[in-house]
Amino acid sequence: MNNKQVLTKVIKPKFINGIEQMCMKIIDVEDEATIKNVYISDYAIETREANIDFEGVIFNKVDFNGVTLNSLELTDVRFENCDLSNANFVGAIIHRTEFINCKLMGLNLNDATLQNIYMNNCNAQFIHMNYIQMKNAILSDCIFENSNLQHSKLDKVEFRKCNFILSQMSGTNLSGIDLSNSNFEGVGIRPEDIRGSIVSPTQAVDFSKIFGLIIKE
């Protein structure tokens, strides 16, 4: 029987024709707003708290640092070279969204629902992703050191050369997920959480310590 690994399929964001040529410098933010089909570049979100949804939007070099967006919905969105550090997106619904070369340090995504997600080359140290539901996602070449990914549901999620050193992942079932090319040194996790996951020989030795095993050379 062929045990060839099935790669995760992530649906890319869908944008209208010509969005790449559009540019928006100022966002007119009301208490509640939906911003659609624009390209926003070199902009800092000045409001500290708002109810905004984004659909069909490309952000390039946009600063969300410390912003709280309540009941946020992101659909068909791409973040490129953006700073979302310490932003508060608790309970967000995020679909067909990409994060590329972004700062996500301390970003709060607790209780979020994420589907068809692509993260590449992002610094997500100290990110909060507790109690999330994530389906069809690829996390590639990202730093998740000291992150929190506890009590979450992952379905068809792929880790590619990510760093989870000293992260907390207790209560998140990693069965069937390939961990072999990412770094999970010092991760806080329970034996039942990694049962059935795919690991490298070196990781097998490291994870055996969780089970209380002593490796004799």
N, C-alpha and C. Protein backbone atom coordinates (compact mmCIF):
# COMPACT_ATOMS: atom_id res chain seq x y z
N MET A 1 0.84 -1.20 0.00
CA MET A 1 0.00 0.00 0.00
C MET A 1 0.87 1.25 0.00
N ASN A 2 0.50 2.24 -0.81
CA ASN A 2 1.26 3.48 -0.89
C ASN A 2 0.84 4.43 0.21
N ASN A 3 1.78 4.80 1.09
CA ASN A 3 1.48 5.69 2.20
C ASN A 3 1.88 7.14 1.89
N LYS A 4 1.77 7.52 0.63
CA LYS A 4 2.14 8.87 0.23
C LYS A 4 1.30 9.90 0.99
N GLN A 5 1.97 10.90 1.53
CA GLN A 5 1.29 11.93 2.32
C GLN A 5 0.41 12.81 1.43
N VAL A 6 -0.80 13.08 1.89
CA VAL A 6 -1.71 13.96 1.17
C VAL A 6 -1.45 15.38 1.63
N LEU A 7 -1.11 16.27 0.69
CA LEU A 7 -0.81 17.64 1.04
C LEU A 7 -2.08 18.43 1.33
N THR A 8 -1.96 19.38 2.23
CA THR A 8 -3.08 20.22 2.59
C THR A 8 -3.45 21.14 1.43
N LYS A 9 -4.72 21.22 1.13
CA LYS A 9 -5.21 22.11 0.07
C LYS A 9 -5.84 23.34 0.71
N VAL A 10 -5.29 24.49 0.38
CA VAL A 10 -5.79 25.75 0.92
C VAL A 10 -6.33 26.60 -0.24
N ILE A 11 -7.57 27.02 -0.13
CA ILE A 11 -8.17 27.88 -1.15
C ILE A 11 -7.65 29.30 -0.98
N LYS A 12 -7.11 29.87 -2.04
CA LYS A 12 -6.53 31.21 -1.99
C LYS A 12 -7.62 32.28 -1.94
N PRO A 13 -7.26 33.47 -1.45
CA PRO A 13 -8.22 34.59 -1.47
C PRO A 13 -8.63 34.92 -2.90
N LYS A 14 -9.85 35.41 -3.03
CA LYS A 14 -10.39 35.80 -4.34
C LYS A 14 -10.52 37.32 -4.38
N PHE A 15 -9.91 37.93 -5.38
CA PHE A 15 -9.94 39.38 -5.52
C PHE A 15 -10.53 39.77 -6.86
N ILE A 16 -11.17 40.94 -6.91
CA ILE A 16 -11.74 41.42 -8.16
C ILE A 16 -10.62 41.86 -9.08
N ASN A 17 -10.90 41.89 -10.39
CA ASN A 17 -9.91 42.35 -11.36
C ASN A 17 -9.55 43.81 -11.11
N GLY A 18 -8.25 44.10 -11.13
CA GLY A 18 -7.80 45.47 -11.00
C GLY A 18 -7.53 45.92 -9.58
N ILE A 19 -7.76 45.07 -8.60
CA ILE A 19 -7.56 45.52 -7.21
C ILE A 19 -6.11 45.88 -6.95
N GLU A 20 -5.19 45.25 -7.64
CA GLU A 20 -3.78 45.54 -7.43
C GLU A 20 -3.44 47.00 -7.76
N GLN A 21 -4.23 47.64 -8.64
CA GLN A 21 -3.94 49.02 -9.02
C GLN A 21 -4.64 50.04 -8.12
N MET A 22 -5.49 49.57 -7.24
CA MET A 22 -6.22 50.48 -6.36
C MET A 22 -5.40 50.78 -5.11
N CYS A 23 -5.53 51.96 -4.60
CA CYS A 23 -4.78 52.33 -3.40
C CYS A 23 -5.66 53.18 -2.51
N MET A 24 -5.64 52.88 -1.22
CA MET A 24 -6.48 53.60 -0.27
C MET A 24 -5.59 54.08 0.86
N LYS A 25 -5.50 55.36 1.07
CA LYS A 25 -4.62 55.91 2.09
C LYS A 25 -5.35 56.18 3.40
N ILE A 26 -6.65 56.46 3.34
CA ILE A 26 -7.40 56.83 4.54
C ILE A 26 -8.63 55.93 4.66
N ILE A 27 -8.81 55.34 5.82
CA ILE A 27 -10.00 54.54 6.06
C ILE A 27 -10.99 55.35 6.87
N ASP A 28 -12.19 55.54 6.33
CA ASP A 28 -13.24 56.26 7.03
C ASP A 28 -13.95 55.26 7.94
N VAL A 29 -13.54 55.24 9.19
CA VAL A 29 -14.03 54.23 10.12
C VAL A 29 -15.20 54.77 10.93
N GLU A 30 -16.31 54.09 10.86
CA GLU A 30 -17.45 54.40 11.69
C GLU A 30 -17.52 53.36 12.79
N ASP A 31 -18.57 53.41 13.60
CA ASP A 31 -18.70 52.42 14.67
C ASP A 31 -18.79 51.02 14.10
N GLU A 32 -19.49 50.88 12.98
CA GLU A 32 -19.58 49.60 12.30
C GLU A 32 -19.39 49.86 10.81
N ALA A 33 -18.52 49.08 10.17
CA ALA A 33 -18.25 49.30 8.76
C ALA A 33 -17.79 48.01 8.11
N THR A 34 -18.06 47.91 6.80
CA THR A 34 -17.53 46.83 5.99
C THR A 34 -16.72 47.46 4.87
N ILE A 35 -15.45 47.09 4.77
CA ILE A 35 -14.57 47.63 3.75
C ILE A 35 -14.28 46.52 2.75
N LYS A 36 -14.59 46.79 1.46
CA LYS A 36 -14.54 45.75 0.44
C LYS A 36 -13.73 46.19 -0.77
N ASN A 37 -13.03 45.23 -1.34
CA ASN A 37 -12.43 45.34 -2.66
C ASN A 37 -11.52 46.56 -2.82
N VAL A 38 -10.57 46.68 -1.89
CA VAL A 38 -9.59 47.77 -1.99
C VAL A 38 -8.19 47.25 -1.69
N TYR A 39 -7.21 48.01 -2.16
CA TYR A 39 -5.80 47.74 -1.87
C TYR A 39 -5.32 48.87 -0.97
N ILE A 40 -4.91 48.54 0.26
CA ILE A 40 -4.54 49.54 1.26
C ILE A 40 -3.05 49.41 1.53
N SER A 41 -2.31 50.50 1.32
CA SER A 41 -0.86 50.44 1.42
C SER A 41 -0.32 51.57 2.27
N ASP A 42 0.74 51.27 3.04
CA ASP A 42 1.47 52.29 3.82
C ASP A 42 0.53 53.12 4.68
N TYR A 43 -0.18 52.43 5.55
CA TYR A 43 -1.20 53.12 6.35
C TYR A 43 -1.17 52.57 7.77
N ALA A 44 -1.45 53.44 8.73
CA ALA A 44 -1.56 53.02 10.14
C ALA A 44 -3.01 53.18 10.58
N ILE A 45 -3.60 52.11 11.11
CA ILE A 45 -4.95 52.18 11.63
C ILE A 45 -4.91 52.97 12.93
N GLU A 46 -5.53 54.13 12.94
CA GLU A 46 -5.44 55.02 14.10
C GLU A 46 -6.46 54.70 15.17
N THR A 47 -7.63 54.21 14.79
CA THR A 47 -8.64 53.89 15.79
C THR A 47 -8.15 52.75 16.66
N ARG A 48 -8.39 52.82 17.95
CA ARG A 48 -7.93 51.78 18.86
C ARG A 48 -8.93 50.65 19.00
N GLU A 49 -10.22 50.93 18.70
CA GLU A 49 -11.24 49.90 18.84
C GLU A 49 -12.38 50.20 17.88
N ALA A 50 -12.79 49.20 17.11
CA ALA A 50 -13.87 49.41 16.15
C ALA A 50 -14.47 48.07 15.74
N ASN A 51 -15.63 48.15 15.12
CA ASN A 51 -16.28 46.99 14.53
C ASN A 51 -16.16 47.11 13.01
N ILE A 52 -15.18 46.45 12.43
CA ILE A 52 -14.95 46.54 10.99
C ILE A 52 -14.81 45.13 10.43
N ASP A 53 -15.41 44.90 9.26
CA ASP A 53 -15.21 43.67 8.51
C ASP A 53 -14.48 44.01 7.22
N PHE A 54 -13.65 43.08 6.76
CA PHE A 54 -12.90 43.30 5.53
C PHE A 54 -13.18 42.14 4.57
N GLU A 55 -13.45 42.50 3.32
CA GLU A 55 -13.75 41.50 2.30
C GLU A 55 -13.07 41.89 0.98
N GLY A 56 -12.29 40.98 0.45
CA GLY A 56 -11.60 41.25 -0.81
C GLY A 56 -10.58 42.36 -0.69
N VAL A 57 -9.81 42.38 0.41
CA VAL A 57 -8.89 43.48 0.70
C VAL A 57 -7.45 42.97 0.73
N ILE A 58 -6.55 43.74 0.12
CA ILE A 58 -5.11 43.49 0.23
C ILE A 58 -4.49 44.59 1.07
N PHE A 59 -3.82 44.21 2.15
CA PHE A 59 -3.10 45.16 3.00
C PHE A 59 -1.61 45.02 2.73
N ASN A 60 -0.94 46.12 2.45
CA ASN A 60 0.51 46.11 2.26
C ASN A 60 1.13 47.18 3.14
N LYS A 61 2.00 46.75 4.05
CA LYS A 61 2.67 47.66 4.99
C LYS A 61 1.67 48.49 5.79
N VAL A 62 0.68 47.81 6.33
CA VAL A 62 -0.34 48.46 7.15
C VAL A 62 -0.08 48.11 8.62
N ASP A 63 -0.21 49.10 9.49
CA ASP A 63 0.08 48.94 10.92
C ASP A 63 -1.22 48.79 11.70
N PHE A 64 -1.43 47.59 12.27
CA PHE A 64 -2.57 47.31 13.13
C PHE A 64 -2.13 47.20 14.60
N ASN A 65 -0.93 47.62 14.92
CA ASN A 65 -0.35 47.39 16.24
C ASN A 65 -1.26 47.89 17.35
N GLY A 66 -1.69 46.96 18.22
CA GLY A 66 -2.49 47.32 19.39
C GLY A 66 -3.96 47.60 19.12
N VAL A 67 -4.41 47.39 17.89
CA VAL A 67 -5.80 47.69 17.53
C VAL A 67 -6.72 46.56 17.98
N THR A 68 -7.90 46.90 18.48
CA THR A 68 -8.94 45.93 18.81
C THR A 68 -10.05 46.02 17.77
N LEU A 69 -10.31 44.90 17.07
CA LEU A 69 -11.41 44.85 16.11
C LEU A 69 -12.42 43.82 16.61
N ASN A 70 -13.57 44.32 17.05
CA ASN A 70 -14.59 43.48 17.66
C ASN A 70 -15.39 42.72 16.60
N SER A 71 -15.73 41.47 16.89
CA SER A 71 -16.56 40.65 16.00
C SER A 71 -16.04 40.69 14.57
N LEU A 72 -14.74 40.63 14.42
CA LEU A 72 -14.09 40.79 13.13
C LEU A 72 -14.38 39.62 12.19
N GLU A 73 -14.66 39.94 10.92
CA GLU A 73 -14.76 38.93 9.87
C GLU A 73 -13.81 39.32 8.74
N LEU A 74 -12.93 38.40 8.38
CA LEU A 74 -12.01 38.59 7.26
C LEU A 74 -12.33 37.53 6.21
N THR A 75 -12.64 37.96 5.01
CA THR A 75 -12.91 37.04 3.91
C THR A 75 -12.16 37.50 2.67
N ASP A 76 -11.37 36.63 2.09
CA ASP A 76 -10.57 36.97 0.91
C ASP A 76 -9.68 38.18 1.20
N VAL A 77 -8.75 37.98 2.13
CA VAL A 77 -7.87 39.06 2.59
C VAL A 77 -6.41 38.59 2.53
N ARG A 78 -5.54 39.51 2.16
CA ARG A 78 -4.10 39.22 2.19
C ARG A 78 -3.39 40.33 2.96
N PHE A 79 -2.57 39.92 3.95
CA PHE A 79 -1.71 40.84 4.68
C PHE A 79 -0.28 40.63 4.20
N GLU A 80 0.35 41.68 3.68
CA GLU A 80 1.74 41.60 3.23
C GLU A 80 2.57 42.63 3.98
N ASN A 81 3.62 42.18 4.65
CA ASN A 81 4.54 43.10 5.34
C ASN A 81 3.80 44.00 6.33
N CYS A 82 2.80 43.46 6.99
CA CYS A 82 1.99 44.22 7.95
C CYS A 82 2.43 43.95 9.38
N ASP A 83 2.10 44.88 10.27
CA ASP A 83 2.39 44.72 11.70
C ASP A 83 1.07 44.59 12.45
N LEU A 84 0.78 43.37 12.91
CA LEU A 84 -0.42 43.10 13.69
C LEU A 84 -0.06 42.79 15.14
N SER A 85 1.10 43.22 15.58
CA SER A 85 1.56 42.93 16.93
C SER A 85 0.59 43.47 17.97
N ASN A 86 0.27 42.62 18.94
CA ASN A 86 -0.59 42.98 20.08
C ASN A 86 -1.99 43.43 19.66
N ALA A 87 -2.38 43.16 18.43
CA ALA A 87 -3.76 43.44 18.03
C ALA A 87 -4.69 42.43 18.69
N ASN A 88 -5.94 42.82 18.85
CA ASN A 88 -6.93 41.98 19.51
C ASN A 88 -8.01 41.59 18.52
N PHE A 89 -7.95 40.33 18.04
CA PHE A 89 -8.94 39.80 17.11
C PHE A 89 -9.68 38.63 17.75
N VAL A 90 -10.00 38.72 19.03
CA VAL A 90 -10.66 37.62 19.74
C VAL A 90 -11.99 37.29 19.07
N GLY A 91 -12.21 35.99 18.85
CA GLY A 91 -13.47 35.53 18.29
C GLY A 91 -13.65 35.82 16.82
N ALA A 92 -12.59 36.21 16.13
CA ALA A 92 -12.70 36.56 14.71
C ALA A 92 -13.06 35.35 13.86
N ILE A 93 -13.72 35.62 12.74
CA ILE A 93 -14.00 34.61 11.73
C ILE A 93 -13.15 34.95 10.52
N ILE A 94 -12.21 34.08 10.18
CA ILE A 94 -11.20 34.39 9.17
C ILE A 94 -11.22 33.29 8.11
N HIS A 95 -11.48 33.68 6.85
CA HIS A 95 -11.65 32.69 5.77
C HIS A 95 -10.91 33.16 4.53
N ARG A 96 -10.20 32.24 3.91
CA ARG A 96 -9.41 32.54 2.71
C ARG A 96 -8.54 33.78 2.93
N THR A 97 -7.61 33.66 3.88
CA THR A 97 -6.77 34.80 4.27
C THR A 97 -5.31 34.38 4.33
N GLU A 98 -4.43 35.26 3.87
CA GLU A 98 -2.99 35.01 3.84
C GLU A 98 -2.26 36.05 4.69
N PHE A 99 -1.24 35.60 5.42
CA PHE A 99 -0.35 36.46 6.18
C PHE A 99 1.06 36.21 5.65
N ILE A 100 1.65 37.19 4.99
CA ILE A 100 2.94 36.99 4.34
C ILE A 100 3.92 38.05 4.82
N ASN A 101 5.06 37.60 5.39
CA ASN A 101 6.10 38.50 5.90
C ASN A 101 5.54 39.50 6.91
N CYS A 102 4.72 39.01 7.83
CA CYS A 102 4.05 39.90 8.79
C CYS A 102 4.61 39.72 10.20
N LYS A 103 4.45 40.78 11.02
CA LYS A 103 4.70 40.69 12.45
C LYS A 103 3.38 40.40 13.16
N LEU A 104 3.32 39.26 13.84
CA LEU A 104 2.10 38.85 14.54
C LEU A 104 2.39 38.66 16.03
N MET A 105 3.39 39.34 16.53
CA MET A 105 3.84 39.14 17.91
C MET A 105 2.75 39.58 18.90
N GLY A 106 2.31 38.63 19.72
CA GLY A 106 1.31 38.94 20.73
C GLY A 106 -0.09 39.11 20.18
N LEU A 107 -0.31 38.84 18.91
CA LEU A 107 -1.65 38.91 18.33
C LEU A 107 -2.59 37.97 19.08
N ASN A 108 -3.78 38.46 19.42
CA ASN A 108 -4.75 37.66 20.17
C ASN A 108 -5.83 37.13 19.24
N LEU A 109 -5.76 35.83 18.95
CA LEU A 109 -6.74 35.16 18.11
C LEU A 109 -7.55 34.14 18.91
N ASN A 110 -7.58 34.27 20.22
CA ASN A 110 -8.34 33.32 21.03
C ASN A 110 -9.79 33.22 20.54
N ASP A 111 -10.31 31.98 20.54
CA ASP A 111 -11.70 31.70 20.18
C ASP A 111 -12.01 32.01 18.72
N ALA A 112 -10.99 32.19 17.88
CA ALA A 112 -11.23 32.50 16.47
C ALA A 112 -11.53 31.23 15.68
N THR A 113 -12.21 31.42 14.55
CA THR A 113 -12.46 30.35 13.59
C THR A 113 -11.71 30.69 12.31
N LEU A 114 -10.79 29.81 11.90
CA LEU A 114 -9.94 30.09 10.74
C LEU A 114 -10.03 28.94 9.75
N GLN A 115 -10.26 29.28 8.49
CA GLN A 115 -10.35 28.26 7.45
C GLN A 115 -9.71 28.77 6.17
N ASN A 116 -8.95 27.87 5.52
CA ASN A 116 -8.19 28.23 4.32
C ASN A 116 -7.24 29.40 4.63
N ILE A 117 -6.25 29.08 5.48
CA ILE A 117 -5.30 30.06 5.99
C ILE A 117 -3.89 29.71 5.50
N TYR A 118 -3.15 30.73 5.07
CA TYR A 118 -1.75 30.55 4.69
C TYR A 118 -0.91 31.58 5.41
N MET A 119 0.06 31.13 6.21
CA MET A 119 1.01 32.01 6.88
C MET A 119 2.41 31.65 6.39
N ASN A 120 3.15 32.66 5.95
CA ASN A 120 4.50 32.42 5.45
C ASN A 120 5.46 33.49 5.94
N ASN A 121 6.57 33.03 6.53
CA ASN A 121 7.66 33.91 6.96
C ASN A 121 7.16 35.01 7.90
N CYS A 122 6.37 34.60 8.89
CA CYS A 122 5.83 35.55 9.86
C CYS A 122 6.49 35.36 11.23
N ASN A 123 6.65 36.46 11.97
CA ASN A 123 7.12 36.41 13.35
C ASN A 123 5.90 36.45 14.25
N ALA A 124 5.52 35.29 14.78
CA ALA A 124 4.32 35.17 15.59
C ALA A 124 4.67 34.78 17.03
N GLN A 125 5.79 35.26 17.53
CA GLN A 125 6.14 34.99 18.92
C GLN A 125 5.03 35.50 19.84
N PHE A 126 4.74 34.72 20.87
CA PHE A 126 3.77 35.09 21.90
C PHE A 126 2.34 35.23 21.37
N ILE A 127 2.06 34.72 20.17
CA ILE A 127 0.71 34.78 19.64
C ILE A 127 -0.23 33.92 20.50
N HIS A 128 -1.48 34.35 20.62
CA HIS A 128 -2.48 33.63 21.40
C HIS A 128 -3.49 32.99 20.45
N MET A 129 -3.54 31.66 20.44
CA MET A 129 -4.48 30.93 19.59
C MET A 129 -5.16 29.83 20.39
N ASN A 130 -5.61 30.18 21.58
CA ASN A 130 -6.30 29.21 22.42
C ASN A 130 -7.76 29.08 22.01
N TYR A 131 -8.27 27.87 22.10
CA TYR A 131 -9.68 27.58 21.82
C TYR A 131 -10.07 27.99 20.40
N ILE A 132 -9.14 27.91 19.46
CA ILE A 132 -9.49 28.22 18.08
C ILE A 132 -9.92 26.96 17.34
N GLN A 133 -10.58 27.15 16.21
CA GLN A 133 -10.86 26.08 15.27
C GLN A 133 -10.18 26.45 13.96
N MET A 134 -9.22 25.63 13.54
CA MET A 134 -8.46 25.92 12.33
C MET A 134 -8.55 24.73 11.38
N LYS A 135 -8.98 25.01 10.16
CA LYS A 135 -9.16 23.95 9.16
C LYS A 135 -8.55 24.40 7.83
N ASN A 136 -7.85 23.48 7.18
CA ASN A 136 -7.21 23.75 5.89
C ASN A 136 -6.26 24.94 6.02
N ALA A 137 -5.13 24.70 6.63
CA ALA A 137 -4.17 25.78 6.88
C ALA A 137 -2.74 25.28 6.66
N ILE A 138 -1.91 26.16 6.11
CA ILE A 138 -0.49 25.89 5.95
C ILE A 138 0.27 27.00 6.68
N LEU A 139 1.10 26.60 7.64
CA LEU A 139 1.95 27.54 8.38
C LEU A 139 3.38 27.23 7.99
N SER A 140 4.03 28.16 7.28
CA SER A 140 5.32 27.88 6.66
C SER A 140 6.38 28.89 7.08
N ASP A 141 7.53 28.38 7.56
CA ASP A 141 8.69 29.22 7.90
C ASP A 141 8.31 30.35 8.85
N CYS A 142 7.52 30.03 9.86
CA CYS A 142 7.07 31.03 10.83
C CYS A 142 7.67 30.76 12.21
N ILE A 143 7.83 31.83 12.98
CA ILE A 143 8.34 31.73 14.35
C ILE A 143 7.16 31.84 15.31
N PHE A 144 6.92 30.75 16.06
CA PHE A 144 5.85 30.72 17.05
C PHE A 144 6.40 30.52 18.46
N GLU A 145 7.62 30.95 18.70
CA GLU A 145 8.21 30.76 20.02
C GLU A 145 7.33 31.37 21.12
N ASN A 146 7.21 30.63 22.23
CA ASN A 146 6.45 31.10 23.39
C ASN A 146 5.00 31.42 23.04
N SER A 147 4.46 30.73 22.05
CA SER A 147 3.07 30.96 21.65
C SER A 147 2.14 30.08 22.48
N ASN A 148 0.84 30.39 22.38
CA ASN A 148 -0.19 29.60 23.06
C ASN A 148 -1.16 29.04 22.03
N LEU A 149 -1.21 27.72 21.95
CA LEU A 149 -2.12 27.03 21.04
C LEU A 149 -2.77 25.89 21.83
N GLN A 150 -3.55 26.26 22.84
CA GLN A 150 -4.09 25.28 23.76
C GLN A 150 -5.59 25.07 23.54
N HIS A 151 -6.02 23.84 23.78
CA HIS A 151 -7.44 23.47 23.73
C HIS A 151 -8.08 23.87 22.40
N SER A 152 -7.34 23.63 21.32
CA SER A 152 -7.81 24.03 20.00
C SER A 152 -8.05 22.81 19.11
N LYS A 153 -8.85 23.01 18.05
CA LYS A 153 -9.17 21.94 17.12
C LYS A 153 -8.50 22.25 15.79
N LEU A 154 -7.61 21.35 15.35
CA LEU A 154 -6.89 21.51 14.10
C LEU A 154 -7.31 20.40 13.14
N ASP A 155 -7.69 20.79 11.93
CA ASP A 155 -8.12 19.83 10.93
C ASP A 155 -7.44 20.16 9.61
N LYS A 156 -6.64 19.22 9.10
CA LYS A 156 -5.89 19.44 7.86
C LYS A 156 -5.01 20.68 7.97
N VAL A 157 -4.18 20.69 9.01
CA VAL A 157 -3.24 21.78 9.23
C VAL A 157 -1.82 21.25 9.00
N GLU A 158 -1.03 22.01 8.27
CA GLU A 158 0.32 21.57 7.91
C GLU A 158 1.35 22.56 8.43
N PHE A 159 2.34 22.05 9.18
CA PHE A 159 3.45 22.86 9.66
C PHE A 159 4.67 22.62 8.78
N ARG A 160 5.22 23.70 8.23
CA ARG A 160 6.40 23.59 7.38
C ARG A 160 7.53 24.45 7.95
N LYS A 161 8.52 23.82 8.56
CA LYS A 161 9.70 24.50 9.08
C LYS A 161 9.34 25.66 9.99
N CYS A 162 8.49 25.38 10.96
CA CYS A 162 8.09 26.41 11.93
C CYS A 162 8.80 26.18 13.25
N ASN A 163 8.90 27.22 14.05
CA ASN A 163 9.58 27.16 15.34
C ASN A 163 8.55 27.37 16.45
N PHE A 164 8.28 26.30 17.22
CA PHE A 164 7.34 26.35 18.33
C PHE A 164 8.06 26.19 19.68
N ILE A 165 9.31 26.58 19.76
CA ILE A 165 10.08 26.41 20.99
C ILE A 165 9.36 27.06 22.17
N LEU A 166 9.25 26.32 23.27
CA LEU A 166 8.69 26.80 24.54
C LEU A 166 7.23 27.24 24.42
N SER A 167 6.53 26.71 23.43
CA SER A 167 5.11 27.04 23.28
C SER A 167 4.25 26.12 24.13
N GLN A 168 3.02 26.55 24.39
CA GLN A 168 2.07 25.77 25.17
C GLN A 168 0.98 25.25 24.24
N MET A 169 0.86 23.90 24.17
CA MET A 169 -0.09 23.29 23.24
C MET A 169 -0.96 22.24 23.92
N SER A 170 -1.05 22.31 25.22
CA SER A 170 -1.83 21.34 25.97
C SER A 170 -3.30 21.40 25.56
N GLY A 171 -3.88 20.22 25.36
CA GLY A 171 -5.30 20.14 25.03
C GLY A 171 -5.59 20.26 23.55
N THR A 172 -4.54 20.39 22.72
CA THR A 172 -4.72 20.45 21.27
C THR A 172 -4.28 19.13 20.65
N ASN A 173 -5.18 18.43 20.01
CA ASN A 173 -4.91 17.12 19.45
C ASN A 173 -4.13 17.27 18.14
N LEU A 174 -2.92 16.71 18.11
CA LEU A 174 -2.05 16.79 16.94
C LEU A 174 -2.00 15.48 16.17
N SER A 175 -2.93 14.59 16.42
CA SER A 175 -2.95 13.30 15.73
C SER A 175 -3.05 13.48 14.22
N GLY A 176 -2.18 12.78 13.50
CA GLY A 176 -2.19 12.84 12.04
C GLY A 176 -1.45 14.02 11.45
N ILE A 177 -0.95 14.93 12.29
CA ILE A 177 -0.25 16.12 11.80
C ILE A 177 1.26 15.84 11.76
N ASP A 178 1.90 16.23 10.67
CA ASP A 178 3.34 16.02 10.50
C ASP A 178 4.10 17.13 11.22
N LEU A 179 4.79 16.77 12.29
CA LEU A 179 5.59 17.72 13.06
C LEU A 179 7.07 17.63 12.75
N SER A 180 7.44 16.75 11.84
CA SER A 180 8.82 16.29 11.73
C SER A 180 9.82 17.36 11.28
N ASN A 181 9.38 18.37 10.53
CA ASN A 181 10.36 19.36 10.06
C ASN A 181 10.23 20.70 10.77
N SER A 182 9.54 20.70 11.93
CA SER A 182 9.42 21.91 12.74
C SER A 182 10.05 21.67 14.11
N ASN A 183 10.30 22.74 14.84
CA ASN A 183 11.00 22.64 16.13
C ASN A 183 10.01 22.81 17.27
N PHE A 184 9.88 21.77 18.08
CA PHE A 184 8.96 21.78 19.22
C PHE A 184 9.71 21.61 20.54
N GLU A 185 10.96 22.04 20.58
CA GLU A 185 11.78 21.88 21.78
C GLU A 185 11.16 22.63 22.96
N GLY A 186 11.02 21.92 24.08
CA GLY A 186 10.51 22.52 25.29
C GLY A 186 9.03 22.84 25.27
N VAL A 187 8.30 22.28 24.31
CA VAL A 187 6.87 22.57 24.21
C VAL A 187 6.10 21.95 25.37
N GLY A 188 5.09 22.65 25.85
CA GLY A 188 4.23 22.13 26.91
C GLY A 188 3.05 21.40 26.30
N ILE A 189 3.02 20.08 26.46
CA ILE A 189 2.01 19.28 25.80
C ILE A 189 1.78 18.00 26.58
N ARG A 190 0.62 17.37 26.42
CA ARG A 190 0.31 16.12 27.12
C ARG A 190 0.57 14.93 26.21
N PRO A 191 0.84 13.77 26.77
CA PRO A 191 1.07 12.58 25.93
C PRO A 191 -0.08 12.31 24.96
N GLU A 192 -1.32 12.48 25.43
CA GLU A 192 -2.46 12.17 24.56
C GLU A 192 -2.59 13.17 23.41
N ASP A 193 -1.98 14.34 23.54
CA ASP A 193 -2.07 15.35 22.48
C ASP A 193 -1.23 15.00 21.27
N ILE A 194 -0.10 14.31 21.46
CA ILE A 194 0.79 14.00 20.34
C ILE A 194 0.66 12.55 19.88
N ARG A 195 -0.22 11.79 20.53
CA ARG A 195 -0.41 10.40 20.10
C ARG A 195 -0.95 10.37 18.67
N GLY A 196 -0.26 9.67 17.79
CA GLY A 196 -0.68 9.55 16.40
C GLY A 196 -0.14 10.64 15.49
N SER A 197 0.68 11.56 16.02
CA SER A 197 1.30 12.58 15.17
C SER A 197 2.54 11.99 14.49
N ILE A 198 3.04 12.68 13.48
CA ILE A 198 4.20 12.22 12.72
C ILE A 198 5.42 13.02 13.16
N VAL A 199 6.44 12.31 13.66
CA VAL A 199 7.61 12.99 14.21
C VAL A 199 8.89 12.40 13.63
N SER A 200 9.99 13.15 13.75
CA SER A 200 11.30 12.66 13.33
C SER A 200 11.90 11.78 14.43
N PRO A 201 12.95 11.00 14.12
CA PRO A 201 13.59 10.19 15.16
C PRO A 201 14.08 11.03 16.34
N THR A 202 14.66 12.18 16.06
CA THR A 202 15.14 13.05 17.14
C THR A 202 13.97 13.53 17.99
N GLN A 203 12.89 13.91 17.36
CA GLN A 203 11.71 14.36 18.11
C GLN A 203 11.13 13.22 18.94
N ALA A 204 11.20 12.01 18.42
CA ALA A 204 10.66 10.87 19.17
C ALA A 204 11.38 10.73 20.50
N VAL A 205 12.69 10.96 20.49
CA VAL A 205 13.46 10.90 21.74
C VAL A 205 13.04 12.03 22.67
N ASP A 206 12.91 13.25 22.11
CA ASP A 206 12.53 14.40 22.93
C ASP A 206 11.13 14.23 23.51
N PHE A 207 10.20 13.81 22.68
CA PHE A 207 8.82 13.66 23.15
C PHE A 207 8.67 12.50 24.13
N SER A 208 9.61 11.53 24.06
CA SER A 208 9.52 10.39 24.98
C SER A 208 9.64 10.84 26.43
N LYS A 209 10.30 11.98 26.65
CA LYS A 209 10.44 12.51 28.01
C LYS A 209 9.08 12.88 28.59
N ILE A 210 8.15 13.26 27.72
CA ILE A 210 6.79 13.58 28.17
C ILE A 210 6.13 12.35 28.76
N PHE A 211 6.45 11.18 28.18
CA PHE A 211 5.89 9.93 28.67
C PHE A 211 6.65 9.37 29.87
N GLY A 212 7.71 10.05 30.27
CA GLY A 212 8.49 9.60 31.41
C GLY A 212 9.46 8.49 31.09
N LEU A 213 9.76 8.30 29.79
CA LEU A 213 10.67 7.25 29.40
C LEU A 213 12.12 7.70 29.57
N ILE A 214 12.99 6.76 29.88
CA ILE A 214 14.43 7.02 29.97
C ILE A 214 15.12 6.27 28.83
N ILE A 215 15.78 7.02 27.95
CA ILE A 215 16.43 6.41 26.80
C ILE A 215 17.83 5.95 27.19
N LYS A 216 18.09 4.66 27.03
CA LYS A 216 19.40 4.10 27.36
C LYS A 216 20.24 4.00 26.11
N GLU A 217 21.42 4.59 26.16
CA GLU A 217 22.33 4.55 25.00
C GLU A 217 23.22 3.32 25.06
